């Protein structure tokens, strides 16, 4: 493993050679090489490099950077299409590690020589990547399996590179406006977490088990079984799936597979993952999908998955409602709530851009809308306004685009909207369900109650400071923005609590027809929403009386 100094120097040379000298400067990499002089004719370079040169630089930098490029190729909210298409060409391939080193790794992990543990073991790898290698083998009971082995000695190299990347990202965020706008430091932290998970094969095995449970009653989808007795953090042994590539139309036609039905089945499986299970396969490229002669779909490689929690589901539902209603104001609000921005977006310009996006499907329903194009155009707007999507949403949008592309290869008349529409409608209806309103009300009431109990003490400390120490305040208009936003959020929660309580009361009386039962639990709900407004009202009245007494003196 190289020393950090040697690695810094190597990185700088590769970046300069590929026209990325600007990154050397803004990342602080140049400052870490105080004795290095830039070669004659070697310029810092433009602020952006061509997609091809960026890909080449990442390939030269090695496995960690190839993984970084592959992750960037999934983030269409951060990079324009040309860069994503080029980075998607990055191939995670590496020369195989020597068999004897791999054999020793297996011996330590599974407790015996692999040639003794398995009935047969092919010592030539099926595939060899930067992180691990895959071998074909057979269990003693005759089951064909694939054995993934983490490449010996890879972890120290990856950890050293991750440490360097996170350090450079933190430095760049202080000196480069684009790095601040797109939260490069946060992205690198996310990348480090994702790559460490990929290094842990136990995590991938658990993901596969979760998918197997979710699709246990679905005969159309096969998830490989994990053999935990032969699996560890460094080794993963799973059932071997064979079949045709999902995009090999000639083989599918020769086998008599109904491609139209297959496209619908594959897309429906992806929609179930998202909208029913909340856990989806985030990398459905053709190499990870095998089609059986009976049209069953086999999925492999569960290292990259996305997961939607209740908060994200609610935000997506709000966005779907706005899209269906063709309401740019609602779309802007939903996007701002969902995304992260280091600077306050221009809401007027955002609404105008979204109104232009709506014209793409004006006069159409979601069922016949061009989903892929709408997503691509929407992501362009998100990039232009320096908004950043949560990782799971970015993966979801990429998965929808990939699924649409796969469907159109199988069936030229495939409509992603036709598959997406019923699931989107169901999710939005779930969010409007009175039971879900009650849950959100309880959460909002708890926050308001916490605010109500904390506010008097905070106000008293502020008054003591003003009375005994005095205060000198210098404010610019921009400094008030965070304060106003906080007050808006508190006010919105209060209004939401009050109106939601009233809404639930009406629904409850209509459905139960028993006012006495309703009143038994109505009071705590209303109390949670109104207690804080009482605290605020009381404080304002007290403050006015105090000021009148001072004026009288």
Protein backbone atom coordinates (compact mmCIF):
# COMPACT_ATOMS: atom_id res chain seq x y z
CA UNK A 1 0.00 0.00 0.00
CA UNK A 2 1.35 3.41 -0.96
CA UNK A 3 2.01 6.10 1.66
CA UNK A 4 -0.46 8.99 1.66
CA UNK A 5 2.20 11.28 0.19
CA UNK A 6 2.85 8.89 -2.71
CA UNK A 7 -0.88 8.48 -3.27
CA UNK A 8 -1.44 12.26 -3.28
CA UNK A 9 1.31 12.69 -5.85
CA UNK A 10 -0.05 9.87 -8.03
CA UNK A 11 -3.57 11.36 -7.89
CA UNK A 12 -2.32 14.81 -8.85
CA UNK A 13 -0.36 13.47 -11.82
CA UNK A 14 -3.36 11.48 -13.11
CA UNK A 15 -5.72 14.44 -12.74
CA UNK A 16 -3.31 16.83 -14.49
CA UNK A 17 -2.75 14.34 -17.30
CA UNK A 18 -6.50 14.09 -17.93
CA UNK A 19 -7.21 17.83 -17.92
CA UNK A 20 -8.56 17.87 -14.36
CA UNK A 21 -5.90 20.12 -12.85
CA UNK A 22 -8.60 22.44 -11.55
CA UNK A 23 -9.67 19.70 -9.13
CA UNK A 24 -6.10 19.48 -7.85
CA UNK A 25 -6.27 23.15 -6.94
CA UNK A 26 -9.74 23.46 -5.39
CA UNK A 27 -9.48 20.20 -3.44
CA UNK A 28 -6.29 21.30 -1.69
CA UNK A 29 -4.39 18.41 -3.23
CA UNK A 30 -1.76 20.80 -4.62
CA UNK A 31 -1.08 22.19 -1.15
CA UNK A 32 -0.28 18.69 0.10
CA UNK A 33 2.60 18.50 -2.41
CA UNK A 34 4.64 21.58 -1.45
CA UNK A 35 7.79 20.44 -3.23
CA UNK A 36 6.14 19.46 -6.49
CA UNK A 37 6.34 21.90 -9.37
CA UNK A 38 3.77 21.70 -12.07
CA UNK A 39 5.45 20.45 -15.28
CA UNK A 40 5.97 22.94 -18.08
CA UNK A 41 2.88 23.31 -20.21
CA UNK A 42 0.73 21.68 -17.54
CA UNK A 43 -2.17 24.01 -16.80
CA UNK A 44 -4.70 23.87 -14.04
CA UNK A 45 -7.27 23.24 -16.71
CA UNK A 46 -10.90 24.29 -17.05
CA UNK A 47 -13.44 23.96 -14.28
CA UNK A 48 -15.07 21.08 -16.14
CA UNK A 49 -13.43 18.28 -18.08
CA UNK A 50 -14.85 16.19 -20.89
CA UNK A 51 -16.84 13.13 -19.78
CA UNK A 52 -14.36 10.81 -21.47
CA UNK A 53 -11.34 12.26 -19.66
CA UNK A 54 -13.16 12.08 -16.33
CA UNK A 55 -13.86 8.37 -16.93
CA UNK A 56 -10.25 7.73 -17.90
CA UNK A 57 -8.96 9.47 -14.77
CA UNK A 58 -11.23 7.40 -12.53
CA UNK A 59 -10.10 4.18 -14.20
CA UNK A 60 -6.43 5.13 -13.70
CA UNK A 61 -7.00 6.04 -10.06
CA UNK A 62 -8.12 2.50 -9.27
CA UNK A 63 -10.94 0.44 -7.70
CA UNK A 64 -12.25 2.99 -5.17
CA UNK A 65 -12.55 5.65 -7.85
CA UNK A 66 -14.17 3.27 -10.32
CA UNK A 67 -16.79 2.61 -7.65
CA UNK A 68 -17.14 6.37 -7.15
CA UNK A 69 -17.74 6.83 -10.88
CA UNK A 70 -20.31 4.05 -10.92
CA UNK A 71 -22.18 5.69 -8.05
CA UNK A 72 -22.03 9.06 -9.82
CA UNK A 73 -23.53 7.41 -12.90
CA UNK A 74 -26.67 6.76 -10.82
CA UNK A 75 -27.00 10.38 -9.69
CA UNK A 76 -28.75 12.18 -12.51
CA UNK A 77 -29.63 14.95 -10.04
CA UNK A 78 -25.91 15.80 -9.88
CA UNK A 79 -24.52 15.14 -13.38
CA UNK A 80 -25.76 15.93 -16.90
CA UNK A 81 -26.71 12.98 -19.16
CA UNK A 82 -23.43 13.06 -21.13
CA UNK A 83 -21.38 12.42 -17.98
CA UNK A 84 -23.76 9.74 -16.75
CA UNK A 85 -23.61 7.89 -20.07
CA UNK A 86 -19.80 7.98 -20.07
CA UNK A 87 -19.45 6.93 -16.42
CA UNK A 88 -21.89 4.07 -17.03
CA UNK A 89 -19.16 2.60 -19.28
CA UNK A 90 -16.90 2.09 -16.27
CA UNK A 91 -16.29 -1.63 -15.98
CA UNK A 92 -15.48 -2.99 -12.56
CA UNK A 93 -13.00 -5.56 -13.83
CA UNK A 94 -9.61 -6.53 -12.49
CA UNK A 95 -7.04 -9.23 -13.05
CA UNK A 96 -7.88 -12.24 -10.84
CA UNK A 97 -6.07 -12.55 -7.55
CA UNK A 98 -3.85 -15.69 -7.36
CA UNK A 99 -5.84 -18.83 -6.56
CA UNK A 100 -3.64 -19.79 -3.62
CA UNK A 101 -4.27 -16.42 -1.92
CA UNK A 102 -8.02 -16.83 -2.47
CA UNK A 103 -7.87 -20.43 -1.27
CA UNK A 104 -6.20 -19.34 1.97
CA UNK A 105 -8.84 -16.63 2.46
CA UNK A 106 -11.60 -19.23 2.02
CA UNK A 107 -9.88 -21.63 4.39
CA UNK A 108 -9.77 -19.01 7.14
CA UNK A 109 -13.38 -17.93 6.59
CA UNK A 110 -15.22 -21.27 6.21
CA UNK A 111 -12.91 -23.30 8.44
CA UNK A 112 -11.56 -25.80 5.89
CA UNK A 113 -10.07 -26.10 2.44
CA UNK A 114 -12.81 -25.21 -0.10
CA UNK A 115 -11.93 -28.33 -2.08
CA UNK A 116 -13.02 -30.35 0.96
CA UNK A 117 -16.11 -28.27 1.86
CA UNK A 118 -17.66 -28.36 -1.62
CA UNK A 119 -18.30 -31.38 -3.82
CA UNK A 120 -16.57 -29.48 -6.62
CA UNK A 121 -15.00 -26.05 -6.93
CA UNK A 122 -13.88 -24.41 -10.19
CA UNK A 123 -10.68 -22.54 -9.38
CA UNK A 124 -11.05 -20.29 -12.45
CA UNK A 125 -13.29 -17.35 -11.49
CA UNK A 126 -16.54 -16.68 -13.33
CA UNK A 127 -15.93 -12.96 -12.83
CA UNK A 128 -13.19 -10.86 -11.29
CA UNK A 129 -13.84 -7.33 -10.01
CA UNK A 130 -11.95 -4.81 -7.89
CA UNK A 131 -13.73 -5.78 -4.66
CA UNK A 132 -14.23 -9.50 -5.10
CA UNK A 133 -14.23 -12.56 -7.33
CA UNK A 134 -16.94 -15.12 -8.07
CA UNK A 135 -16.42 -18.87 -8.49
CA UNK A 136 -18.71 -21.69 -9.58
CA UNK A 137 -19.04 -24.58 -7.13
CA UNK A 138 -21.34 -27.43 -6.13
CA UNK A 139 -22.56 -28.33 -2.66
CA UNK A 140 -22.40 -31.90 -1.33
CA UNK A 141 -26.16 -32.25 -2.01
CA UNK A 142 -25.61 -31.44 -5.71
CA UNK A 143 -26.82 -27.82 -5.63
CA UNK A 144 -24.97 -25.48 -7.98
CA UNK A 145 -23.82 -22.33 -6.23
CA UNK A 146 -21.78 -19.17 -6.81
CA UNK A 147 -19.14 -18.33 -4.18
CA UNK A 148 -18.19 -14.65 -3.95
CA UNK A 149 -14.89 -13.97 -2.18
CA UNK A 150 -13.64 -10.57 -1.14
CA UNK A 151 -10.29 -9.82 -2.76
CA UNK A 152 -7.46 -10.43 -0.23
CA UNK A 153 -5.95 -7.21 1.15
CA UNK A 154 -8.48 -4.87 -0.50
CA UNK A 155 -9.84 -3.23 2.68
CA UNK A 156 -6.71 -1.22 3.73
CA UNK A 157 -6.38 0.24 0.22
CA UNK A 158 -10.06 1.19 0.07
CA UNK A 159 -10.01 2.74 3.55
CA UNK A 160 -6.92 4.82 2.69
CA UNK A 161 -8.57 6.14 -0.48
CA UNK A 162 -11.84 6.89 1.33
CA UNK A 163 -9.97 8.86 3.98
CA UNK A 164 -8.22 10.90 1.29
CA UNK A 165 -11.46 11.53 -0.63
CA UNK A 166 -13.34 12.69 2.45
CA UNK A 167 -10.50 15.02 3.42
CA UNK A 168 -10.27 16.54 -0.06
CA UNK A 169 -14.06 16.92 -0.26
CA UNK A 170 -14.13 18.83 3.04
CA UNK A 171 -11.41 21.16 1.75
CA UNK A 172 -13.14 21.67 -1.62
CA UNK A 173 -16.40 22.60 0.13
CA UNK A 174 -14.63 25.59 1.67
CA UNK A 175 -13.02 26.84 -1.55
CA UNK A 176 -15.28 25.80 -4.43
CA UNK A 177 -18.81 27.13 -4.80
CA UNK A 178 -20.00 24.12 -6.81
CA UNK A 179 -18.76 21.77 -4.08
CA UNK A 180 -20.83 23.70 -1.54
CA UNK A 181 -23.91 23.88 -3.75
CA UNK A 182 -23.96 20.13 -4.29
CA UNK A 183 -22.78 19.15 -0.80
CA UNK A 184 -19.74 17.23 -2.05
CA UNK A 185 -18.68 16.47 1.51
CA UNK A 186 -22.04 14.87 2.28
CA UNK A 187 -21.92 12.92 -0.97
CA UNK A 188 -18.45 11.55 -0.15
CA UNK A 189 -19.63 10.51 3.30
CA UNK A 190 -22.56 8.70 1.66
CA UNK A 191 -20.21 7.06 -0.84
CA UNK A 192 -17.90 5.86 1.95
CA UNK A 193 -20.86 4.30 3.77
CA UNK A 194 -22.16 2.64 0.58
CA UNK A 195 -18.76 1.18 -0.35
CA UNK A 196 -18.18 -0.18 3.17
CA UNK A 197 -21.54 -1.92 2.96
CA UNK A 198 -20.53 -3.44 -0.38
CA UNK A 199 -17.38 -4.78 1.26
CA UNK A 200 -19.57 -6.60 3.78
CA UNK A 201 -21.13 -9.64 2.13
CA UNK A 202 -23.33 -10.31 5.15
CA UNK A 203 -25.26 -7.14 4.29
CA UNK A 204 -25.78 -8.28 0.70
CA UNK A 205 -26.94 -11.69 1.92
CA UNK A 206 -29.45 -10.12 4.29
CA UNK A 207 -30.79 -7.97 1.47
CA UNK A 208 -31.29 -11.10 -0.65
CA UNK A 209 -33.15 -12.79 2.22
CA UNK A 210 -35.48 -9.78 2.56
CA UNK A 211 -36.30 -9.89 -1.15
CA UNK A 212 -36.89 -13.64 -0.90
CA UNK A 213 -39.44 -13.11 1.88
CA UNK A 214 -41.18 -10.32 -0.07
CA UNK A 215 -41.52 -12.46 -3.21
CA UNK A 216 -42.19 -15.77 -1.44
CA UNK A 217 -45.76 -15.90 -2.84
CA UNK A 218 -44.89 -14.60 -6.31
CA UNK A 219 -44.14 -17.45 -8.70
CA UNK A 220 -42.97 -15.03 -11.41
CA UNK A 221 -39.84 -13.91 -9.51
CA UNK A 222 -36.93 -16.04 -8.26
CA UNK A 223 -34.49 -14.80 -5.61
CA UNK A 224 -31.35 -16.96 -5.06
CA UNK A 225 -31.08 -18.74 -1.73
CA UNK A 226 -28.18 -17.76 0.54
CA UNK A 227 -26.26 -20.63 2.17
CA UNK A 228 -25.26 -19.05 5.46
CA UNK A 229 -23.27 -22.05 6.67
CA UNK A 230 -20.75 -21.21 3.94
CA UNK A 231 -21.02 -17.40 4.17
CA UNK A 232 -19.22 -14.74 6.24
CA UNK A 233 -18.41 -11.03 5.98
CA UNK A 234 -15.81 -11.95 3.32
CA UNK A 235 -17.53 -14.89 1.58
CA UNK A 236 -21.05 -15.19 0.17
CA UNK A 237 -22.38 -18.52 -1.12
CA UNK A 238 -25.65 -18.38 -3.02
CA UNK A 239 -27.80 -20.48 -5.33
CA UNK A 240 -26.64 -20.23 -8.94
CA UNK A 241 -29.28 -18.89 -11.33
CA UNK A 242 -29.01 -19.62 -15.02
CA UNK A 243 -31.08 -18.30 -17.88
CA UNK A 244 -31.28 -15.86 -20.75
CA UNK A 245 -30.33 -12.21 -20.53
CA UNK A 246 -33.47 -10.12 -20.28
CA UNK A 247 -32.42 -8.01 -23.30
CA UNK A 248 -31.37 -10.99 -25.50
CA UNK A 249 -34.46 -10.78 -27.68
CA UNK A 250 -33.21 -13.41 -30.17
CA UNK A 251 -32.78 -16.02 -27.41
CA UNK A 252 -36.13 -15.10 -25.86
CA UNK A 253 -37.91 -15.46 -29.20
CA UNK A 254 -36.19 -18.79 -29.87
CA UNK A 255 -37.38 -20.04 -26.46
CA UNK A 256 -40.94 -18.92 -27.22
CA UNK A 257 -41.06 -16.34 -24.44
CA UNK A 258 -43.87 -13.76 -24.73
CA UNK A 259 -41.79 -10.58 -24.63
CA UNK A 260 -44.79 -8.28 -24.13
CA UNK A 261 -45.90 -10.24 -21.07
CA UNK A 262 -42.30 -10.42 -19.81
CA UNK A 263 -41.93 -6.62 -19.99
CA UNK A 264 -45.12 -6.16 -17.98
CA UNK A 265 -44.06 -8.79 -15.41
CA UNK A 266 -40.59 -7.31 -14.93
CA UNK A 267 -41.92 -3.75 -14.56
CA UNK A 268 -44.67 -4.88 -12.19
CA UNK A 269 -42.08 -6.65 -10.01
CA UNK A 270 -40.09 -3.40 -9.74
CA UNK A 271 -43.23 -1.43 -8.83
CA UNK A 272 -44.11 -3.94 -6.11
CA UNK A 273 -40.65 -3.49 -4.62
CA UNK A 274 -41.10 0.27 -4.43
CA UNK A 275 -44.75 0.78 -3.55
CA UNK A 276 -45.61 -2.39 -1.60
CA UNK A 277 -42.36 -3.49 0.05
CA UNK A 278 -40.47 -0.18 0.28
CA UNK A 279 -37.27 -2.08 -0.65
CA UNK A 280 -36.16 -2.15 -4.28
CA UNK A 281 -33.34 -3.49 -6.42
CA UNK A 282 -31.50 -0.32 -7.42
CA UNK A 283 -29.36 -1.79 -10.22
CA UNK A 284 -31.67 -3.68 -12.60
CA UNK A 285 -29.25 -3.78 -15.52
CA UNK A 286 -29.47 -6.77 -17.93
CA UNK A 287 -26.57 -8.61 -16.28
CA UNK A 288 -28.55 -8.87 -13.03
CA UNK A 289 -31.76 -10.29 -14.55
CA UNK A 290 -32.05 -13.85 -15.88
CA UNK A 291 -35.14 -15.14 -17.70
CA UNK A 292 -36.09 -18.79 -17.42
CA UNK A 293 -37.70 -20.69 -20.33
CA UNK A 294 -41.00 -20.58 -18.40
CA UNK A 295 -40.71 -16.73 -18.28
CA UNK A 296 -39.77 -16.62 -14.60
CA UNK A 297 -37.47 -13.71 -13.72
CA UNK A 298 -34.38 -14.35 -11.61
CA UNK A 299 -32.69 -11.42 -9.82
CA UNK A 300 -29.10 -11.37 -8.55
CA UNK A 301 -26.67 -8.89 -6.97
CA UNK A 302 -28.29 -7.19 -4.00
CA UNK A 303 -25.36 -4.98 -3.08
CA UNK A 304 -27.15 -1.81 -4.24
CA UNK A 305 -30.70 -1.47 -2.91
CA UNK A 306 -32.96 1.46 -2.12
CA UNK A 307 -35.33 1.75 0.81
CA UNK A 308 -38.23 4.16 1.27
CA UNK A 309 -39.34 5.10 4.79
CA UNK A 310 -42.71 6.65 5.69
CA UNK A 311 -41.36 10.19 5.35
CA UNK A 312 -40.08 9.63 1.81
CA UNK A 313 -43.27 7.83 0.82
CA UNK A 314 -45.26 10.84 2.01
CA UNK A 315 -43.04 13.23 0.07
CA UNK A 316 -43.33 11.11 -3.08
CA UNK A 317 -47.11 10.99 -2.69
CA UNK A 318 -47.21 14.80 -2.46
CA UNK A 319 -45.11 15.04 -5.62
CA UNK A 320 -47.32 12.53 -7.48
CA UNK A 321 -50.44 14.50 -6.50
CA UNK A 322 -48.85 17.70 -7.85
CA UNK A 323 -47.78 15.96 -11.07
CA UNK A 324 -51.22 14.45 -11.62
CA UNK A 325 -52.91 17.82 -10.94
CA UNK A 326 -50.39 19.57 -13.22
CA UNK A 327 -49.84 22.16 -10.48
CA UNK A 328 -46.38 23.83 -10.68
CA UNK A 329 -46.80 25.52 -7.29
CA UNK A 330 -47.44 22.21 -5.55
CA UNK A 331 -44.61 20.57 -7.51
CA UNK A 332 -42.20 23.29 -6.41
CA UNK A 333 -43.22 22.91 -2.76
CA UNK A 334 -42.95 19.11 -2.92
CA UNK A 335 -39.49 19.29 -4.53
CA UNK A 336 -38.16 21.82 -2.03
CA UNK A 337 -39.37 19.67 0.88
CA UNK A 338 -37.86 16.54 -0.62
CA UNK A 339 -34.49 17.90 -1.75
CA UNK A 340 -31.49 19.44 -0.03
CA UNK A 341 -30.04 22.79 -1.07
CA UNK A 342 -27.13 24.75 0.35
CA UNK A 343 -28.69 27.99 -0.90
CA UNK A 344 -32.30 29.14 -0.98
CA UNK A 345 -33.81 28.27 -4.40
CA UNK A 346 -35.57 30.87 -6.53
CA UNK A 347 -39.15 29.68 -6.12
CA UNK A 348 -40.53 31.88 -8.93
CA UNK A 349 -38.00 30.56 -11.45
CA UNK A 350 -38.52 27.01 -10.18
CA UNK A 351 -42.28 27.29 -10.73
CA UNK A 352 -41.73 28.65 -14.24
CA UNK A 353 -39.39 25.77 -15.11
CA UNK A 354 -41.84 23.22 -13.74
CA UNK A 355 -44.68 24.81 -15.72
CA UNK A 356 -42.58 24.14 -18.83
CA UNK A 357 -42.13 20.53 -17.71
CA UNK A 358 -45.90 20.13 -17.32
CA UNK A 359 -46.35 21.05 -20.97
CA UNK A 360 -44.59 17.76 -21.85
CA UNK A 361 -47.64 15.79 -20.72
CA UNK A 362 -50.36 18.41 -21.01
CA UNK A 363 -53.60 16.77 -22.08
CA UNK A 364 -52.36 13.29 -21.02
CA UNK A 365 -52.90 11.15 -17.97
CA UNK A 366 -50.04 9.49 -16.08
CA UNK A 367 -50.87 6.22 -17.86
CA UNK A 368 -49.85 7.58 -21.29
CA UNK A 369 -47.25 10.13 -20.16
CA UNK A 370 -43.59 9.80 -21.31
CA UNK A 371 -42.27 8.87 -17.85
CA UNK A 372 -38.59 8.61 -18.79
CA UNK A 373 -38.54 11.96 -20.57
CA UNK A 374 -40.43 13.69 -17.74
CA UNK A 375 -37.94 12.32 -15.20
CA UNK A 376 -34.95 13.34 -17.33
CA UNK A 377 -36.29 16.87 -17.86
CA UNK A 378 -37.20 17.15 -14.18
CA UNK A 379 -33.70 16.10 -13.14
CA UNK A 380 -32.29 18.82 -15.39
CA UNK A 381 -34.40 21.37 -13.51
CA UNK A 382 -33.20 19.97 -10.18
CA UNK A 383 -29.56 20.32 -11.29
CA UNK A 384 -30.09 23.86 -12.57
CA UNK A 385 -31.49 24.92 -9.20
CA UNK A 386 -28.67 23.19 -7.29
CA UNK A 387 -31.10 20.89 -5.49
CA UNK A 388 -29.97 17.45 -4.33
CA UNK A 389 -32.22 14.42 -4.00
CA UNK A 390 -32.03 11.92 -1.16
CA UNK A 391 -30.02 8.88 -2.24
CA UNK A 392 -33.05 6.59 -2.27
CA UNK A 393 -35.08 8.93 -4.50
CA UNK A 394 -32.17 9.31 -6.92
CA UNK A 395 -31.86 5.52 -7.09
CA UNK A 396 -35.62 5.18 -7.57
CA UNK A 397 -35.70 7.58 -10.52
CA UNK A 398 -32.73 5.83 -12.12
CA UNK A 399 -34.46 2.48 -11.61
CA UNK A 400 -37.64 3.80 -13.30
CA UNK A 401 -35.63 5.02 -16.31
CA UNK A 402 -33.76 1.69 -16.56
CA UNK A 403 -37.00 -0.29 -16.23
CA UNK A 404 -38.65 1.78 -18.96
CA UNK A 405 -35.63 1.20 -21.24
CA UNK A 406 -35.72 -2.54 -20.59
CA UNK A 407 -39.47 -2.66 -21.22
CA UNK A 408 -39.14 -0.85 -24.54
CA UNK A 409 -36.43 -3.31 -25.70
CA UNK A 410 -38.78 -6.21 -24.94
CA UNK A 411 -41.95 -4.51 -26.21
CA UNK A 412 -41.82 -1.41 -28.48
CA UNK A 413 -45.33 -0.47 -27.28
CA UNK A 414 -44.41 -0.73 -23.58
CA UNK A 415 -45.77 2.10 -21.39
CA UNK A 416 -44.08 2.76 -18.08
CA UNK A 417 -46.94 5.05 -17.10
CA UNK A 418 -49.42 2.20 -17.58
CA UNK A 419 -47.54 0.16 -14.98
CA UNK A 420 -46.73 3.06 -12.65
CA UNK A 421 -50.17 4.75 -12.52
CA UNK A 422 -52.13 2.28 -10.32
CA UNK A 423 -49.29 2.04 -7.78
CA UNK A 424 -48.88 5.83 -7.63
CA UNK A 425 -52.63 6.26 -7.18
CA UNK A 426 -52.69 3.68 -4.39
CA UNK A 427 -49.83 5.37 -2.56
CA UNK A 428 -51.46 8.79 -2.73
CA UNK A 429 -54.75 7.35 -1.44
CA UNK A 430 -52.91 5.74 1.47
CA UNK A 431 -51.48 9.14 2.41
CA UNK A 432 -55.02 10.62 2.41
CA UNK A 433 -56.36 7.81 4.59
CA UNK A 434 -57.77 9.13 7.93
CA UNK A 435 -55.70 6.59 9.88
CA UNK A 436 -52.51 8.04 8.39
CA UNK A 437 -53.74 11.53 9.17
CA UNK A 438 -54.16 10.44 12.78
CA UNK A 439 -50.60 9.12 12.88
CA UNK A 440 -49.19 12.34 11.46
CA UNK A 441 -51.32 14.35 13.87
CA UNK A 442 -49.95 12.42 16.83
CA UNK A 443 -46.40 13.08 15.65
CA UNK A 444 -47.09 16.80 15.09
CA UNK A 445 -48.83 17.06 18.47
CA UNK A 446 -45.79 15.56 20.18
CA UNK A 447 -43.50 18.09 18.54
CA UNK A 448 -45.80 20.96 19.47
CA UNK A 449 -46.04 19.73 23.06
CA UNK A 450 -42.24 19.55 23.25
CA UNK A 451 -42.02 23.09 21.89
CA UNK A 452 -44.64 24.29 24.39
CA UNK A 453 -42.75 22.83 27.36
CA UNK A 454 -39.38 24.22 26.23
CA UNK A 455 -40.53 27.69 25.20
CA UNK A 456 -41.26 29.28 28.66
CA UNK A 457 -37.79 28.47 29.99
CA UNK A 458 -36.13 29.74 26.85
CA UNK A 459 -38.18 32.94 26.92
CA UNK A 460 -37.34 33.53 30.61
CA UNK A 461 -33.61 33.14 29.90
CA UNK A 462 -33.91 35.64 27.07
CA UNK A 463 -35.74 38.14 29.33
CA UNK A 464 -33.09 37.77 32.04
CA UNK A 465 -30.40 38.51 29.48
CA UNK A 466 -32.23 41.59 28.21
CA UNK A 467 -32.96 42.90 31.73
CA UNK A 468 -29.57 42.42 33.32
CA UNK A 469 -26.98 42.24 30.57
CA UNK A 470 -28.51 44.09 27.65
CA UNK A 471 -28.09 43.11 24.02
CA UNK A 472 -26.85 44.77 20.88
CA UNK A 473 -28.20 43.30 17.67
CA UNK A 474 -26.96 43.73 14.10
CA UNK A 475 -29.13 42.04 11.51
CA UNK A 476 -29.20 41.84 7.75
CA UNK A 477 -32.35 40.83 5.92
CA UNK A 478 -30.72 37.55 4.91
CA UNK A 479 -29.99 36.69 8.52
CA UNK A 480 -33.72 36.60 9.26
CA UNK A 481 -34.47 33.89 6.66
CA UNK A 482 -33.71 30.88 8.92
CA UNK A 483 -35.75 32.45 11.75
CA UNK A 484 -38.72 33.08 9.50
CA UNK A 485 -38.51 29.56 8.07
CA UNK A 486 -38.51 28.10 11.57
CA UNK A 487 -41.56 30.16 12.55
CA UNK A 488 -43.30 29.09 9.33
CA UNK A 489 -42.66 25.43 10.14
CA UNK A 490 -43.97 25.81 13.69
CA UNK A 491 -47.03 27.68 12.44
CA UNK A 492 -47.69 25.07 9.77
CA UNK A 493 -47.53 22.30 12.35
CA UNK A 494 -50.03 24.10 14.57
CA UNK A 495 -52.44 24.67 11.69
CA UNK A 496 -51.95 21.07 10.53
CA UNK A 497 -52.68 19.77 14.02
CA UNK A 498 -55.85 21.83 14.41
CA UNK A 499 -57.25 21.09 10.95
CA UNK A 500 -56.27 17.42 11.06
CA UNK A 501 -58.02 17.07 14.42
CA UNK A 502 -61.15 18.67 13.01
CA UNK A 503 -60.96 16.45 9.92
CA UNK A 504 -60.58 13.28 11.99
CA UNK A 505 -63.46 14.35 14.21
CA UNK A 506 -65.76 14.68 11.21
CA UNK A 507 -64.69 11.34 9.75
CA UNK A 508 -64.99 9.69 13.11
CA UNK A 509 -68.53 10.92 13.69
CA UNK A 510 -69.57 9.90 10.19
CA UNK A 511 -68.07 6.42 10.41
CA UNK A 512 -68.65 5.59 14.06
CA UNK A 513 -71.88 7.46 14.71
CA UNK A 514 -70.94 7.53 18.39
CA UNK A 515 -70.09 11.02 19.64
CA UNK A 516 -69.35 9.81 23.20
CA UNK A 517 -66.68 7.36 22.05
CA UNK A 518 -65.16 10.08 19.86
CA UNK A 519 -64.98 12.62 22.71
CA UNK A 520 -63.11 10.12 24.90
CA UNK A 521 -60.01 10.46 22.73
CA UNK A 522 -60.71 13.77 20.96
CA UNK A 523 -59.54 15.89 23.91
CA UNK A 524 -55.94 14.58 24.04
CA UNK A 525 -55.57 15.12 20.28
CA UNK A 526 -56.92 18.66 20.41
CA UNK A 527 -54.90 19.33 23.51
CA UNK A 528 -51.69 18.35 21.77
CA UNK A 529 -52.43 20.79 18.97
CA UNK A 530 -53.82 23.68 21.03
CA UNK A 531 -51.61 23.54 24.11
CA UNK A 532 -48.72 25.16 22.28
CA UNK A 533 -50.90 27.85 20.74
CA UNK A 534 -52.08 28.65 24.25
CA UNK A 535 -48.51 28.96 25.44
CA UNK A 536 -47.67 31.31 22.60
CA UNK A 537 -50.83 33.36 23.06
CA UNK A 538 -50.24 33.62 26.78
CA UNK A 539 -46.68 34.73 26.26
CA UNK A 540 -47.70 37.40 23.74
CA UNK A 541 -50.37 38.77 26.09
CA UNK A 542 -47.92 38.78 29.00
CA UNK A 543 -45.31 40.53 26.84
CA UNK A 544 -47.81 43.25 25.89
CA UNK A 545 -48.76 43.85 29.55
CA UNK A 546 -45.08 44.03 30.50
CA UNK A 547 -44.41 46.63 27.79
CA UNK A 548 -47.37 48.77 28.92
CA UNK A 549 -46.04 48.75 32.49
CA UNK A 550 -42.62 49.87 31.24
CA UNK A 551 -44.19 52.64 29.17
CA UNK A 552 -46.12 53.82 32.23
CA UNK A 553 -42.85 54.10 34.18
